[in-house]
Amino acid sequence: MTQPHESRLVGALLVQTVATGLIDAVSYLALGHVFTANMTGNVVFLAFAIAGAPGLSIPRSAVSLGAFLAGAMAGGRLAARRATGPQHRWVATAFAVEAVLLLAAALAVALTPRSLSSPRGLT
C-alpha cells in the first residue's frame, strides 16, 4: 500500500471514530443515558476487513462483537434479577464482575507471547 493511500485510510478511520464518538455522546445524553452506537467502530472495522483492507482482522472484530453481545445479554439478565433488591448490591455485583473480567483480560495479555500480541511489522 502506498503512503498517500495509507494516510487517506488513517484519515477516514479517524473521521469515522470522531463521528461514532459524537453519535455515542448525543444518543447517551438525548436518550436517557442509553448507548445506541457502542460497537459502531468494530462494525466498521469488520466491514473494512471483509472488504480486504490490510491490517484489519475479521476474527478480531467478530470476537469483539460477539463478546459485546454476550456481555449485553449477561448484563441485562443480571439487571433483571437484581432490579428488585437494594441498589448497592446491584452496583457491588456489577463492579465485582467487571473487576474479574478486567483481571482476566489483563492476565490473558500478560501471558500472551509477544509474537502473538504485537501487530505484524511492529516487533
PDB file of N, CA and C in Angstrom:
ATOM      1  N   MET A   1       0.853  -1.174   0.000  1.00  0.00           N
ATOM      2  CA  MET A   1       0.000   0.000   0.000  1.00  0.00           C
ATOM      3  C   MET A   1       0.895   1.232   0.000  1.00  0.00           C
ATOM      4  N   THR A   2       0.528   2.202  -0.791  1.00  0.00           N
ATOM      5  CA  THR A   2       1.334   3.411  -0.879  1.00  0.00           C
ATOM      6  C   THR A   2       1.066   4.320   0.309  1.00  0.00           C
ATOM      7  N   GLN A   3       2.029   5.194   0.582  1.00  0.00           N
ATOM      8  CA  GLN A   3       1.927   6.099   1.726  1.00  0.00           C
ATOM      9  C   GLN A   3       0.697   7.007   1.648  1.00  0.00           C
ATOM     10  N   PRO A   4       0.395   7.666   0.483  1.00  0.00           N
ATOM     11  CA  PRO A   4      -0.803   8.510   0.426  1.00  0.00           C
ATOM     12  C   PRO A   4      -2.090   7.721   0.670  1.00  0.00           C
ATOM     13  N   HIS A   5      -2.137   6.482   0.162  1.00  0.00           N
ATOM     14  CA  HIS A   5      -3.321   5.649   0.386  1.00  0.00           C
ATOM     15  C   HIS A   5      -3.475   5.331   1.863  1.00  0.00           C
ATOM     16  N   GLU A   6      -2.367   5.021   2.538  1.00  0.00           N
ATOM     17  CA  GLU A   6      -2.412   4.758   3.974  1.00  0.00           C
ATOM     18  C   GLU A   6      -2.866   5.997   4.734  1.00  0.00           C
ATOM     19  N   SER A   7      -2.393   7.163   4.348  1.00  0.00           N
ATOM     20  CA  SER A   7      -2.791   8.408   5.001  1.00  0.00           C
ATOM     21  C   SER A   7      -4.280   8.658   4.843  1.00  0.00           C
ATOM     22  N   ARG A   8      -4.813   8.386   3.654  1.00  0.00           N
ATOM     23  CA  ARG A   8      -6.253   8.563   3.440  1.00  0.00           C
ATOM     24  C   ARG A   8      -7.050   7.578   4.290  1.00  0.00           C
ATOM     25  N   LEU A   9      -6.561   6.332   4.382  1.00  0.00           N
ATOM     26  CA  LEU A   9      -7.247   5.332   5.195  1.00  0.00           C
ATOM     27  C   LEU A   9      -7.241   5.740   6.664  1.00  0.00           C
ATOM     28  N   VAL A  10      -6.089   6.189   7.150  1.00  0.00           N
ATOM     29  CA  VAL A  10      -5.996   6.638   8.538  1.00  0.00           C
ATOM     30  C   VAL A  10      -6.922   7.832   8.766  1.00  0.00           C
ATOM     31  N   GLY A  11      -6.936   8.772   7.829  1.00  0.00           N
ATOM     32  CA  GLY A  11      -7.823   9.928   7.941  1.00  0.00           C
ATOM     33  C   GLY A  11      -9.287   9.517   7.978  1.00  0.00           C
ATOM     34  N   ALA A  12      -9.665   8.579   7.106  1.00  0.00           N
ATOM     35  CA  ALA A  12     -11.053   8.102   7.079  1.00  0.00           C
ATOM     36  C   ALA A  12     -11.418   7.422   8.392  1.00  0.00           C
ATOM     37  N   LEU A  13     -10.507   6.612   8.923  1.00  0.00           N
ATOM     38  CA  LEU A  13     -10.780   5.942  10.189  1.00  0.00           C
ATOM     39  C   LEU A  13     -10.904   6.943  11.338  1.00  0.00           C
ATOM     40  N   LEU A  14     -10.062   7.978  11.331  1.00  0.00           N
ATOM     41  CA  LEU A  14     -10.162   8.991  12.376  1.00  0.00           C
ATOM     42  C   LEU A  14     -11.473   9.760  12.290  1.00  0.00           C
ATOM     43  N   VAL A  15     -11.898  10.099  11.074  1.00  0.00           N
ATOM     44  CA  VAL A  15     -13.185  10.790  10.904  1.00  0.00           C
ATOM     45  C   VAL A  15     -14.328   9.901  11.389  1.00  0.00           C
ATOM     46  N   GLN A  16     -14.289   8.616  11.034  1.00  0.00           N
ATOM     47  CA  GLN A  16     -15.335   7.700  11.489  1.00  0.00           C
ATOM     48  C   GLN A  16     -15.310   7.535  13.006  1.00  0.00           C
ATOM     49  N   THR A  17     -14.134   7.532  13.591  1.00  0.00           N
ATOM     50  CA  THR A  17     -14.019   7.422  15.036  1.00  0.00           C
ATOM     51  C   THR A  17     -14.652   8.625  15.726  1.00  0.00           C
ATOM     52  N   VAL A  18     -14.362   9.822  15.221  1.00  0.00           N
ATOM     53  CA  VAL A  18     -14.961  11.036  15.783  1.00  0.00           C
ATOM     54  C   VAL A  18     -16.472  11.001  15.610  1.00  0.00           C
ATOM     55  N   ALA A  19     -16.929  10.612  14.424  1.00  0.00           N
ATOM     56  CA  ALA A  19     -18.365  10.573  14.160  1.00  0.00           C
ATOM     57  C   ALA A  19     -19.074   9.591  15.088  1.00  0.00           C
ATOM     58  N   THR A  20     -18.519   8.402  15.253  1.00  0.00           N
ATOM     59  CA  THR A  20     -19.167   7.433  16.130  1.00  0.00           C
ATOM     60  C   THR A  20     -19.112   7.887  17.586  1.00  0.00           C
ATOM     61  N   GLY A  21     -18.049   8.562  17.977  1.00  0.00           N
ATOM     62  CA  GLY A  21     -17.988   9.115  19.325  1.00  0.00           C
ATOM     63  C   GLY A  21     -19.058  10.164  19.560  1.00  0.00           C
ATOM     64  N   LEU A  22     -19.271  11.019  18.554  1.00  0.00           N
ATOM     65  CA  LEU A  22     -20.332  12.024  18.663  1.00  0.00           C
ATOM     66  C   LEU A  22     -21.711  11.368  18.729  1.00  0.00           C
ATOM     67  N   ILE A  23     -21.906  10.338  17.912  1.00  0.00           N
ATOM     68  CA  ILE A  23     -23.186   9.617  17.947  1.00  0.00           C
ATOM     69  C   ILE A  23     -23.404   9.012  19.324  1.00  0.00           C
ATOM     70  N   ASP A  24     -22.374   8.384  19.888  1.00  0.00           N
ATOM     71  CA  ASP A  24     -22.485   7.825  21.234  1.00  0.00           C
ATOM     72  C   ASP A  24     -22.831   8.905  22.241  1.00  0.00           C
ATOM     73  N   ALA A  25     -22.135  10.035  22.184  1.00  0.00           N
ATOM     74  CA  ALA A  25     -22.359  11.104  23.162  1.00  0.00           C
ATOM     75  C   ALA A  25     -23.756  11.687  23.043  1.00  0.00           C
ATOM     76  N   VAL A  26     -24.178  12.007  21.828  1.00  0.00           N
ATOM     77  CA  VAL A  26     -25.502  12.604  21.637  1.00  0.00           C
ATOM     78  C   VAL A  26     -26.599  11.621  22.035  1.00  0.00           C
ATOM     79  N   SER A  27     -26.478  10.366  21.607  1.00  0.00           N
ATOM     80  CA  SER A  27     -27.517   9.393  21.958  1.00  0.00           C
ATOM     81  C   SER A  27     -27.564   9.152  23.464  1.00  0.00           C
ATOM     82  N   TYR A  28     -26.405   9.123  24.102  1.00  0.00           N
ATOM     83  CA  TYR A  28     -26.360   8.916  25.548  1.00  0.00           C
ATOM     84  C   TYR A  28     -27.054  10.070  26.277  1.00  0.00           C
ATOM     85  N   LEU A  29     -26.758  11.283  25.853  1.00  0.00           N
ATOM     86  CA  LEU A  29     -27.333  12.452  26.523  1.00  0.00           C
ATOM     87  C   LEU A  29     -28.806  12.654  26.171  1.00  0.00           C
ATOM     88  N   ALA A  30     -29.189  12.384  24.930  1.00  0.00           N
ATOM     89  CA  ALA A  30     -30.550  12.675  24.485  1.00  0.00           C
ATOM     90  C   ALA A  30     -31.543  11.549  24.759  1.00  0.00           C
ATOM     91  N   LEU A  31     -31.062  10.324  24.899  1.00  0.00           N
ATOM     92  CA  LEU A  31     -31.970   9.181  25.048  1.00  0.00           C
ATOM     93  C   LEU A  31     -31.974   8.596  26.461  1.00  0.00           C
ATOM     94  N   GLY A  32     -31.667   9.403  27.439  1.00  0.00           N
ATOM     95  CA  GLY A  32     -31.755   8.927  28.817  1.00  0.00           C
ATOM     96  C   GLY A  32     -30.634   7.995  29.201  1.00  0.00           C
ATOM     97  N   HIS A  33     -29.425   8.325  28.845  1.00  0.00           N
ATOM     98  CA  HIS A  33     -28.233   7.565  29.231  1.00  0.00           C
ATOM     99  C   HIS A  33     -28.222   6.148  28.649  1.00  0.00           C
ATOM    100  N   VAL A  34     -28.549   6.055  27.357  1.00  0.00           N
ATOM    101  CA  VAL A  34     -28.524   4.779  26.644  1.00  0.00           C
ATOM    102  C   VAL A  34     -27.554   4.914  25.476  1.00  0.00           C
ATOM    103  N   PHE A  35     -26.625   3.973  25.355  1.00  0.00           N
ATOM    104  CA  PHE A  35     -25.722   3.953  24.208  1.00  0.00           C
ATOM    105  C   PHE A  35     -26.398   3.217  23.063  1.00  0.00           C
ATOM    106  N   THR A  36     -26.445   3.842  21.898  1.00  0.00           N
ATOM    107  CA  THR A  36     -27.036   3.186  20.732  1.00  0.00           C
ATOM    108  C   THR A  36     -25.981   2.735  19.736  1.00  0.00           C
ATOM    109  N   ALA A  37     -24.807   3.308  19.785  1.00  0.00           N
ATOM    110  CA  ALA A  37     -23.777   3.004  18.788  1.00  0.00           C
ATOM    111  C   ALA A  37     -22.497   2.525  19.455  1.00  0.00           C
ATOM    112  N   ASN A  38     -22.636   1.747  20.499  1.00  0.00           N
ATOM    113  CA  ASN A  38     -21.488   1.347  21.302  1.00  0.00           C
ATOM    114  C   ASN A  38     -20.435   0.567  20.519  1.00  0.00           C
ATOM    115  N   MET A  39     -20.849  -0.213  19.567  1.00  0.00           N
ATOM    116  CA  MET A  39     -19.908  -1.055  18.834  1.00  0.00           C
ATOM    117  C   MET A  39     -19.761  -0.641  17.379  1.00  0.00           C
ATOM    118  N   THR A  40     -20.116   0.587  17.046  1.00  0.00           N
ATOM    119  CA  THR A  40     -20.052   1.045  15.662  1.00  0.00           C
ATOM    120  C   THR A  40     -18.652   0.897  15.084  1.00  0.00           C
ATOM    121  N   GLY A  41     -17.633   1.230  15.861  1.00  0.00           N
ATOM    122  CA  GLY A  41     -16.260   1.121  15.373  1.00  0.00           C
ATOM    123  C   GLY A  41     -15.903  -0.295  14.966  1.00  0.00           C
ATOM    124  N   ASN A  42     -16.303  -1.266  15.757  1.00  0.00           N
ATOM    125  CA  ASN A  42     -15.996  -2.648  15.407  1.00  0.00           C
ATOM    126  C   ASN A  42     -16.778  -3.110  14.186  1.00  0.00           C
ATOM    127  N   VAL A  43     -17.978  -2.590  14.003  1.00  0.00           N
ATOM    128  CA  VAL A  43     -18.732  -2.913  12.786  1.00  0.00           C
ATOM    129  C   VAL A  43     -18.009  -2.346  11.570  1.00  0.00           C
ATOM    130  N   VAL A  44     -17.506  -1.124  11.683  1.00  0.00           N
ATOM    131  CA  VAL A  44     -16.754  -0.509  10.587  1.00  0.00           C
ATOM    132  C   VAL A  44     -15.482  -1.316  10.306  1.00  0.00           C
ATOM    133  N   PHE A  45     -14.745  -1.678  11.357  1.00  0.00           N
ATOM    134  CA  PHE A  45     -13.530  -2.470  11.164  1.00  0.00           C
ATOM    135  C   PHE A  45     -13.853  -3.817  10.522  1.00  0.00           C
ATOM    136  N   LEU A  46     -14.945  -4.438  10.936  1.00  0.00           N
ATOM    137  CA  LEU A  46     -15.349  -5.708  10.339  1.00  0.00           C
ATOM    138  C   LEU A  46     -15.649  -5.527   8.851  1.00  0.00           C
ATOM    139  N   ALA A  47     -16.354  -4.458   8.516  1.00  0.00           N
ATOM    140  CA  ALA A  47     -16.654  -4.195   7.102  1.00  0.00           C
ATOM    141  C   ALA A  47     -15.379  -3.965   6.300  1.00  0.00           C
ATOM    142  N   PHE A  48     -14.438  -3.182   6.843  1.00  0.00           N
ATOM    143  CA  PHE A  48     -13.173  -2.957   6.149  1.00  0.00           C
ATOM    144  C   PHE A  48     -12.396  -4.265   5.987  1.00  0.00           C
ATOM    145  N   ALA A  49     -12.391  -5.086   7.025  1.00  0.00           N
ATOM    146  CA  ALA A  49     -11.670  -6.363   6.951  1.00  0.00           C
ATOM    147  C   ALA A  49     -12.295  -7.275   5.900  1.00  0.00           C
ATOM    148  N   ILE A  50     -13.617  -7.312   5.844  1.00  0.00           N
ATOM    149  CA  ILE A  50     -14.296  -8.127   4.839  1.00  0.00           C
ATOM    150  C   ILE A  50     -13.969  -7.613   3.438  1.00  0.00           C
ATOM    151  N   ALA A  51     -13.834  -6.290   3.321  1.00  0.00           N
ATOM    152  CA  ALA A  51     -13.502  -5.694   2.015  1.00  0.00           C
ATOM    153  C   ALA A  51     -12.037  -5.894   1.646  1.00  0.00           C
ATOM    154  N   GLY A  52     -11.232  -6.407   2.586  1.00  0.00           N
ATOM    155  CA  GLY A  52      -9.841  -6.706   2.275  1.00  0.00           C
ATOM    156  C   GLY A  52      -8.847  -5.641   2.678  1.00  0.00           C
ATOM    157  N   ALA A  53      -9.237  -4.690   3.516  1.00  0.00           N
ATOM    158  CA  ALA A  53      -8.291  -3.665   3.973  1.00  0.00           C
ATOM    159  C   ALA A  53      -7.172  -4.327   4.769  1.00  0.00           C
ATOM    160  N   PRO A  54      -5.931  -3.983   4.470  1.00  0.00           N
ATOM    161  CA  PRO A  54      -4.812  -4.609   5.170  1.00  0.00           C
ATOM    162  C   PRO A  54      -4.742  -4.155   6.626  1.00  0.00           C
ATOM    163  N   GLY A  55      -4.279  -5.063   7.480  1.00  0.00           N
ATOM    164  CA  GLY A  55      -4.069  -4.742   8.882  1.00  0.00           C
ATOM    165  C   GLY A  55      -5.301  -4.896   9.756  1.00  0.00           C
ATOM    166  N   LEU A  56      -6.439  -5.253   9.179  1.00  0.00           N
ATOM    167  CA  LEU A  56      -7.660  -5.456   9.949  1.00  0.00           C
ATOM    168  C   LEU A  56      -8.027  -6.931   9.909  1.00  0.00           C
ATOM    169  N   SER A  57      -8.637  -7.394  10.975  1.00  0.00           N
ATOM    170  CA  SER A  57      -8.886  -8.817  11.120  1.00  0.00           C
ATOM    171  C   SER A  57     -10.380  -9.096  11.301  1.00  0.00           C
ATOM    172  N   ILE A  58     -10.903  -9.977  10.475  1.00  0.00           N
ATOM    173  CA  ILE A  58     -12.301 -10.389  10.620  1.00  0.00           C
ATOM    174  C   ILE A  58     -12.517 -11.088  11.962  1.00  0.00           C
ATOM    175  N   PRO A  59     -11.665 -12.058  12.347  1.00  0.00           N
ATOM    176  CA  PRO A  59     -11.894 -12.728  13.630  1.00  0.00           C
ATOM    177  C   PRO A  59     -11.850 -11.772  14.832  1.00  0.00           C
ATOM    178  N   ARG A  60     -10.926 -10.816  14.844  1.00  0.00           N
ATOM    179  CA  ARG A  60     -10.844  -9.885  15.979  1.00  0.00           C
ATOM    180  C   ARG A  60     -12.118  -9.071  16.112  1.00  0.00           C
ATOM    181  N   SER A  61     -12.598  -8.535  15.001  1.00  0.00           N
ATOM    182  CA  SER A  61     -13.821  -7.733  15.043  1.00  0.00           C
ATOM    183  C   SER A  61     -15.022  -8.597  15.414  1.00  0.00           C
ATOM    184  N   ALA A  62     -15.085  -9.794  14.874  1.00  0.00           N
ATOM    185  CA  ALA A  62     -16.197 -10.689  15.180  1.00  0.00           C
ATOM    186  C   ALA A  62     -16.190 -11.088  16.657  1.00  0.00           C
ATOM    187  N   VAL A  63     -15.014 -11.342  17.203  1.00  0.00           N
ATOM    188  CA  VAL A  63     -14.916 -11.681  18.629  1.00  0.00           C
ATOM    189  C   VAL A  63     -15.359 -10.486  19.484  1.00  0.00           C
ATOM    190  N   SER A  64     -14.954  -9.282  19.097  1.00  0.00           N
ATOM    191  CA  SER A  64     -15.376  -8.087  19.838  1.00  0.00           C
ATOM    192  C   SER A  64     -16.890  -7.953  19.833  1.00  0.00           C
ATOM    193  N   LEU A  65     -17.490  -8.116  18.669  1.00  0.00           N
ATOM    194  CA  LEU A  65     -18.948  -8.006  18.577  1.00  0.00           C
ATOM    195  C   LEU A  65     -19.644  -9.114  19.353  1.00  0.00           C
ATOM    196  N   GLY A  66     -19.122 -10.327  19.255  1.00  0.00           N
ATOM    197  CA  GLY A  66     -19.704 -11.446  19.999  1.00  0.00           C
ATOM    198  C   GLY A  66     -19.584 -11.263  21.501  1.00  0.00           C
ATOM    199  N   ALA A  67     -18.420 -10.789  21.949  1.00  0.00           N
ATOM    200  CA  ALA A  67     -18.229 -10.546  23.379  1.00  0.00           C
ATOM    201  C   ALA A  67     -19.145  -9.431  23.871  1.00  0.00           C
ATOM    202  N   PHE A  68     -19.319  -8.398  23.040  1.00  0.00           N
ATOM    203  CA  PHE A  68     -20.245  -7.321  23.404  1.00  0.00           C
ATOM    204  C   PHE A  68     -21.664  -7.857  23.546  1.00  0.00           C
ATOM    205  N   LEU A  69     -22.087  -8.691  22.591  1.00  0.00           N
ATOM    206  CA  LEU A  69     -23.422  -9.276  22.642  1.00  0.00           C
ATOM    207  C   LEU A  69     -23.594 -10.141  23.890  1.00  0.00           C
ATOM    208  N   ALA A  70     -22.600 -10.972  24.180  1.00  0.00           N
ATOM    209  CA  ALA A  70     -22.673 -11.823  25.368  1.00  0.00           C
ATOM    210  C   ALA A  70     -22.716 -10.978  26.646  1.00  0.00           C
ATOM    211  N   GLY A  71     -21.902  -9.932  26.698  1.00  0.00           N
ATOM    212  CA  GLY A  71     -21.899  -9.057  27.868  1.00  0.00           C
ATOM    213  C   GLY A  71     -23.198  -8.308  28.032  1.00  0.00           C
ATOM    214  N   ALA A  72     -23.768  -7.850  26.928  1.00  0.00           N
ATOM    215  CA  ALA A  72     -25.056  -7.147  26.998  1.00  0.00           C
ATOM    216  C   ALA A  72     -26.152  -8.082  27.485  1.00  0.00           C
ATOM    217  N   MET A  73     -26.139  -9.313  26.995  1.00  0.00           N
ATOM    218  CA  MET A  73     -27.141 -10.284  27.438  1.00  0.00           C
ATOM    219  C   MET A  73     -26.965 -10.614  28.917  1.00  0.00           C
ATOM    220  N   ALA A  74     -25.724 -10.864  29.316  1.00  0.00           N
ATOM    221  CA  ALA A  74     -25.468 -11.184  30.732  1.00  0.00           C
ATOM    222  C   ALA A  74     -25.816 -10.003  31.629  1.00  0.00           C
ATOM    223  N   GLY A  75     -25.448  -8.787  31.203  1.00  0.00           N
ATOM    224  CA  GLY A  75     -25.766  -7.603  31.989  1.00  0.00           C
ATOM    225  C   GLY A  75     -27.260  -7.375  32.107  1.00  0.00           C
ATOM    226  N   GLY A  76     -27.987  -7.600  31.024  1.00  0.00           N
ATOM    227  CA  GLY A  76     -29.445  -7.454  31.058  1.00  0.00           C
ATOM    228  C   GLY A  76     -30.093  -8.452  31.986  1.00  0.00           C
ATOM    229  N   ARG A  77     -29.636  -9.694  31.937  1.00  0.00           N
ATOM    230  CA  ARG A  77     -30.192 -10.718  32.839  1.00  0.00           C
ATOM    231  C   ARG A  77     -29.852 -10.414  34.294  1.00  0.00           C
ATOM    232  N   LEU A  78     -28.613  -9.994  34.528  1.00  0.00           N
ATOM    233  CA  LEU A  78     -28.205  -9.650  35.887  1.00  0.00           C
ATOM    234  C   LEU A  78     -29.013  -8.457  36.401  1.00  0.00           C
ATOM    235  N   ALA A  79     -29.228  -7.475  35.552  1.00  0.00           N
ATOM    236  CA  ALA A  79     -30.006  -6.292  35.947  1.00  0.00           C
ATOM    237  C   ALA A  79     -31.444  -6.681  36.260  1.00  0.00           C
ATOM    238  N   ALA A  80     -32.010  -7.584  35.468  1.00  0.00           N
ATOM    239  CA  ALA A  80     -33.390  -8.013  35.711  1.00  0.00           C
ATOM    240  C   ALA A  80     -33.508  -8.756  37.045  1.00  0.00           C
ATOM    241  N   ARG A  81     -32.513  -9.560  37.370  1.00  0.00           N
ATOM    242  CA  ARG A  81     -32.544 -10.297  38.639  1.00  0.00           C
ATOM    243  C   ARG A  81     -32.332  -9.391  39.841  1.00  0.00           C
ATOM    244  N   ARG A  82     -31.484  -8.389  39.680  1.00  0.00           N
ATOM    245  CA  ARG A  82     -31.130  -7.505  40.793  1.00  0.00           C
ATOM    246  C   ARG A  82     -32.035  -6.281  40.908  1.00  0.00           C
ATOM    247  N   ALA A  83     -32.965  -6.106  39.979  1.00  0.00           N
ATOM    248  CA  ALA A  83     -33.787  -4.890  39.955  1.00  0.00           C
ATOM    249  C   ALA A  83     -34.632  -4.727  41.210  1.00  0.00           C
ATOM    250  N   THR A  84     -35.033  -5.830  41.822  1.00  0.00           N
ATOM    251  CA  THR A  84     -35.907  -5.734  42.990  1.00  0.00           C
ATOM    252  C   THR A  84     -35.144  -5.574  44.296  1.00  0.00           C
ATOM    253  N   GLY A  85     -33.852  -5.855  44.296  1.00  0.00           N
ATOM    254  CA  GLY A  85     -33.056  -5.767  45.515  1.00  0.00           C
ATOM    255  C   GLY A  85     -32.507  -4.368  45.742  1.00  0.00           C
ATOM    256  N   PRO A  86     -31.752  -4.220  46.821  1.00  0.00           N
ATOM    257  CA  PRO A  86     -31.142  -2.914  47.102  1.00  0.00           C
ATOM    258  C   PRO A  86     -30.144  -2.521  46.006  1.00  0.00           C
ATOM    259  N   GLN A  87     -30.110  -1.229  45.700  1.00  0.00           N
ATOM    260  CA  GLN A  87     -29.253  -0.755  44.611  1.00  0.00           C
ATOM    261  C   GLN A  87     -27.772  -0.961  44.924  1.00  0.00           C
ATOM    262  N   HIS A  88     -27.361  -0.849  46.178  1.00  0.00           N
ATOM    263  CA  HIS A  88     -25.938  -1.011  46.491  1.00  0.00           C
ATOM    264  C   HIS A  88     -25.457  -2.428  46.186  1.00  0.00           C
ATOM    265  N   ARG A  89     -26.325  -3.418  46.308  1.00  0.00           N
ATOM    266  CA  ARG A  89     -25.918  -4.792  45.952  1.00  0.00           C
ATOM    267  C   ARG A  89     -25.747  -4.928  44.444  1.00  0.00           C
ATOM    268  N   TRP A  90     -26.640  -4.310  43.688  1.00  0.00           N
ATOM    269  CA  TRP A  90     -26.544  -4.339  42.228  1.00  0.00           C
ATOM    270  C   TRP A  90     -25.242  -3.699  41.782  1.00  0.00           C
ATOM    271  N   VAL A  91     -24.916  -2.545  42.328  1.00  0.00           N
ATOM    272  CA  VAL A  91     -23.687  -1.840  41.951  1.00  0.00           C
ATOM    273  C   VAL A  91     -22.462  -2.660  42.362  1.00  0.00           C
ATOM    274  N   ALA A  92     -22.490  -3.213  43.566  1.00  0.00           N
ATOM    275  CA  ALA A  92     -21.363  -4.026  44.033  1.00  0.00           C
ATOM    276  C   ALA A  92     -21.170  -5.254  43.140  1.00  0.00           C
ATOM    277  N   THR A  93     -22.258  -5.894  42.762  1.00  0.00           N
ATOM    278  CA  THR A  93     -22.173  -7.067  41.886  1.00  0.00           C
ATOM    279  C   THR A  93     -21.606  -6.675  40.522  1.00  0.00           C
ATOM    280  N   ALA A  94     -22.089  -5.569  39.972  1.00  0.00           N
ATOM    281  CA  ALA A  94     -21.600  -5.118  38.663  1.00  0.00           C
ATOM    282  C   ALA A  94     -20.108  -4.798  38.719  1.00  0.00           C
ATOM    283  N   PHE A  95     -19.669  -4.101  39.772  1.00  0.00           N
ATOM    284  CA  PHE A  95     -18.248  -3.781  39.902  1.00  0.00           C
ATOM    285  C   PHE A  95     -17.407  -5.039  40.095  1.00  0.00           C
ATOM    286  N   ALA A  96     -17.901  -5.996  40.852  1.00  0.00           N
ATOM    287  CA  ALA A  96     -17.156  -7.238  41.071  1.00  0.00           C
ATOM    288  C   ALA A  96     -16.993  -8.017  39.768  1.00  0.00           C
ATOM    289  N   VAL A  97     -18.073  -8.121  38.998  1.00  0.00           N
ATOM    290  CA  VAL A  97     -17.998  -8.826  37.717  1.00  0.00           C
ATOM    291  C   VAL A  97     -17.032  -8.113  36.782  1.00  0.00           C
ATOM    292  N   GLU A  98     -17.118  -6.788  36.732  1.00  0.00           N
ATOM    293  CA  GLU A  98     -16.214  -6.029  35.877  1.00  0.00           C
ATOM    294  C   GLU A  98     -14.760  -6.208  36.308  1.00  0.00           C
ATOM    295  N   ALA A  99     -14.501  -6.185  37.613  1.00  0.00           N
ATOM    296  CA  ALA A  99     -13.131  -6.359  38.109  1.00  0.00           C
ATOM    297  C   ALA A  99     -12.583  -7.731  37.727  1.00  0.00           C
ATOM    298  N   VAL A 100     -13.399  -8.768  37.859  1.00  0.00           N
ATOM    299  CA  VAL A 100     -12.956 -10.123  37.495  1.00  0.00           C
ATOM    300  C   VAL A 100     -12.653 -10.198  36.003  1.00  0.00           C
ATOM    301  N   LEU A 101     -13.514  -9.625  35.176  1.00  0.00           N
ATOM    302  CA  LEU A 101     -13.286  -9.660  33.728  1.00  0.00           C
ATOM    303  C   LEU A 101     -12.056  -8.853  33.328  1.00  0.00           C
ATOM    304  N   LEU A 102     -11.853  -7.695  33.946  1.00  0.00           N
ATOM    305  CA  LEU A 102     -10.655  -6.901  33.649  1.00  0.00           C
ATOM    306  C   LEU A 102      -9.386  -7.630  34.080  1.00  0.00           C
ATOM    307  N   LEU A 103      -9.429  -8.285  35.227  1.00  0.00           N
ATOM    308  CA  LEU A 103      -8.282  -9.063  35.686  1.00  0.00           C
ATOM    309  C   LEU A 103      -7.999 -10.217  34.720  1.00  0.00           C
ATOM    310  N   ALA A 104      -9.048 -10.889  34.284  1.00  0.00           N
ATOM    311  CA  ALA A 104      -8.866 -11.989  33.329  1.00  0.00           C
ATOM    312  C   ALA A 104      -8.258 -11.475  32.021  1.00  0.00           C
ATOM    313  N   ALA A 105      -8.728 -10.334  31.547  1.00  0.00           N
ATOM    314  CA  ALA A 105      -8.180  -9.764  30.312  1.00  0.00           C
ATOM    315  C   ALA A 105      -6.720  -9.368  30.503  1.00  0.00           C
ATOM    316  N   ALA A 106      -6.392  -8.762  31.642  1.00  0.00           N
ATOM    317  CA  ALA A 106      -5.006  -8.371  31.911  1.00  0.00           C
ATOM    318  C   ALA A 106      -4.098  -9.591  31.981  1.00  0.00           C
ATOM    319  N   LEU A 107      -4.563 -10.647  32.620  1.00  0.00           N
ATOM    320  CA  LEU A 107      -3.765 -11.884  32.685  1.00  0.00           C
ATOM    321  C   LEU A 107      -3.584 -12.501  31.304  1.00  0.00           C
ATOM    322  N   ALA A 108      -4.638 -12.469  30.488  1.00  0.00           N
ATOM    323  CA  ALA A 108      -4.532 -13.021  29.132  1.00  0.00           C
ATOM    324  C   ALA A 108      -3.490 -12.266  28.326  1.00  0.00           C
ATOM    325  N   VAL A 109      -3.488 -10.943  28.454  1.00  0.00           N
ATOM    326  CA  VAL A 109      -2.492 -10.143  27.725  1.00  0.00           C
ATOM    327  C   VAL A 109      -1.097 -10.393  28.274  1.00  0.00           C
ATOM    328  N   ALA A 110      -0.970 -10.446  29.588  1.00  0.00           N
ATOM    329  CA  ALA A 110       0.342 -10.641  30.205  1.00  0.00           C
ATOM    330  C   ALA A 110       0.932 -12.008  29.863  1.00  0.00           C
ATOM    331  N   LEU A 111       0.088 -13.001  29.693  1.00  0.00           N
ATOM    332  CA  LEU A 111       0.568 -14.354  29.431  1.00  0.00           C
ATOM    333  C   LEU A 111       0.665 -14.689  27.938  1.00  0.00           C
ATOM    334  N   THR A 112       0.232 -13.774  27.071  1.00  0.00           N
ATOM    335  CA  THR A 112       0.308 -13.993  25.626  1.00  0.00           C
ATOM    336  C   THR A 112       1.742 -13.752  25.165  1.00  0.00           C
ATOM    337  N   PRO A 113       2.304 -14.686  24.393  1.00  0.00           N
ATOM    338  CA  PRO A 113       3.656 -14.463  23.871  1.00  0.00           C
ATOM    339  C   PRO A 113       3.713 -13.185  23.044  1.00  0.00           C
ATOM    340  N   ARG A 114       4.834 -12.502  23.111  1.00  0.00           N
ATOM    341  CA  ARG A 114       4.995 -11.216  22.424  1.00  0.00           C
ATOM    342  C   ARG A 114       4.712 -11.320  20.941  1.00  0.00           C
ATOM    343  N   SER A 115       5.077 -12.429  20.324  1.00  0.00           N
ATOM    344  CA  SER A 115       4.877 -12.585  18.889  1.00  0.00           C
ATOM    345  C   SER A 115       3.383 -12.603  18.524  1.00  0.00           C
ATOM    346  N   LEU A 116       2.518 -13.001  19.450  1.00  0.00           N
ATOM    347  CA  LEU A 116       1.090 -13.027  19.181  1.00  0.00           C
ATOM    348  C   LEU A 116       0.419 -11.709  19.525  1.00  0.00           C
ATOM    349  N   SER A 117       0.967 -10.965  20.492  1.00  0.00           N
ATOM    350  CA  SER A 117       0.306  -9.750  20.946  1.00  0.00           C
ATOM    351  C   SER A 117       0.735  -8.500  20.176  1.00  0.00           C
ATOM    352  N   SER A 118       1.802  -8.574  19.396  1.00  0.00           N
ATOM    353  CA  SER A 118       2.264  -7.414  18.627  1.00  0.00           C
ATOM    354  C   SER A 118       1.767  -7.508  17.207  1.00  0.00           C
ATOM    355  N   PRO A 119       1.248  -6.396  16.658  1.00  0.00           N
ATOM    356  CA  PRO A 119       0.852  -6.403  15.253  1.00  0.00           C
ATOM    357  C   PRO A 119       2.049  -6.679  14.357  1.00  0.00           C
ATOM    358  N   ARG A 120       1.787  -7.261  13.198  1.00  0.00           N
ATOM    359  CA  ARG A 120       2.871  -7.569  12.258  1.00  0.00           C
ATOM    360  C   ARG A 120       3.627  -6.311  11.897  1.00  0.00           C
ATOM    361  N   GLY A 121       4.916  -6.430  11.842  1.00  0.00           N
ATOM    362  CA  GLY A 121       5.766  -5.332  11.432  1.00  0.00           C
ATOM    363  C   GLY A 121       6.168  -4.398  12.554  1.00  0.00           C
ATOM    364  N   LEU A 122       5.635  -4.593  13.758  1.00  0.00           N
ATOM    365  CA  LEU A 122       5.953  -3.710  14.869  1.00  0.00           C
ATOM    366  C   LEU A 122       6.810  -4.387  15.924  1.00  0.00           C
ATOM    367  N   THR A 123       7.228  -5.619  15.689  1.00  0.00           N
ATOM    368  CA  THR A 123       8.040  -6.323  16.679  1.00  0.00           C
ATOM    369  C   THR A 123       9.504  -6.011  16.491  1.00  0.00           C
TER     370      THR A 123
END
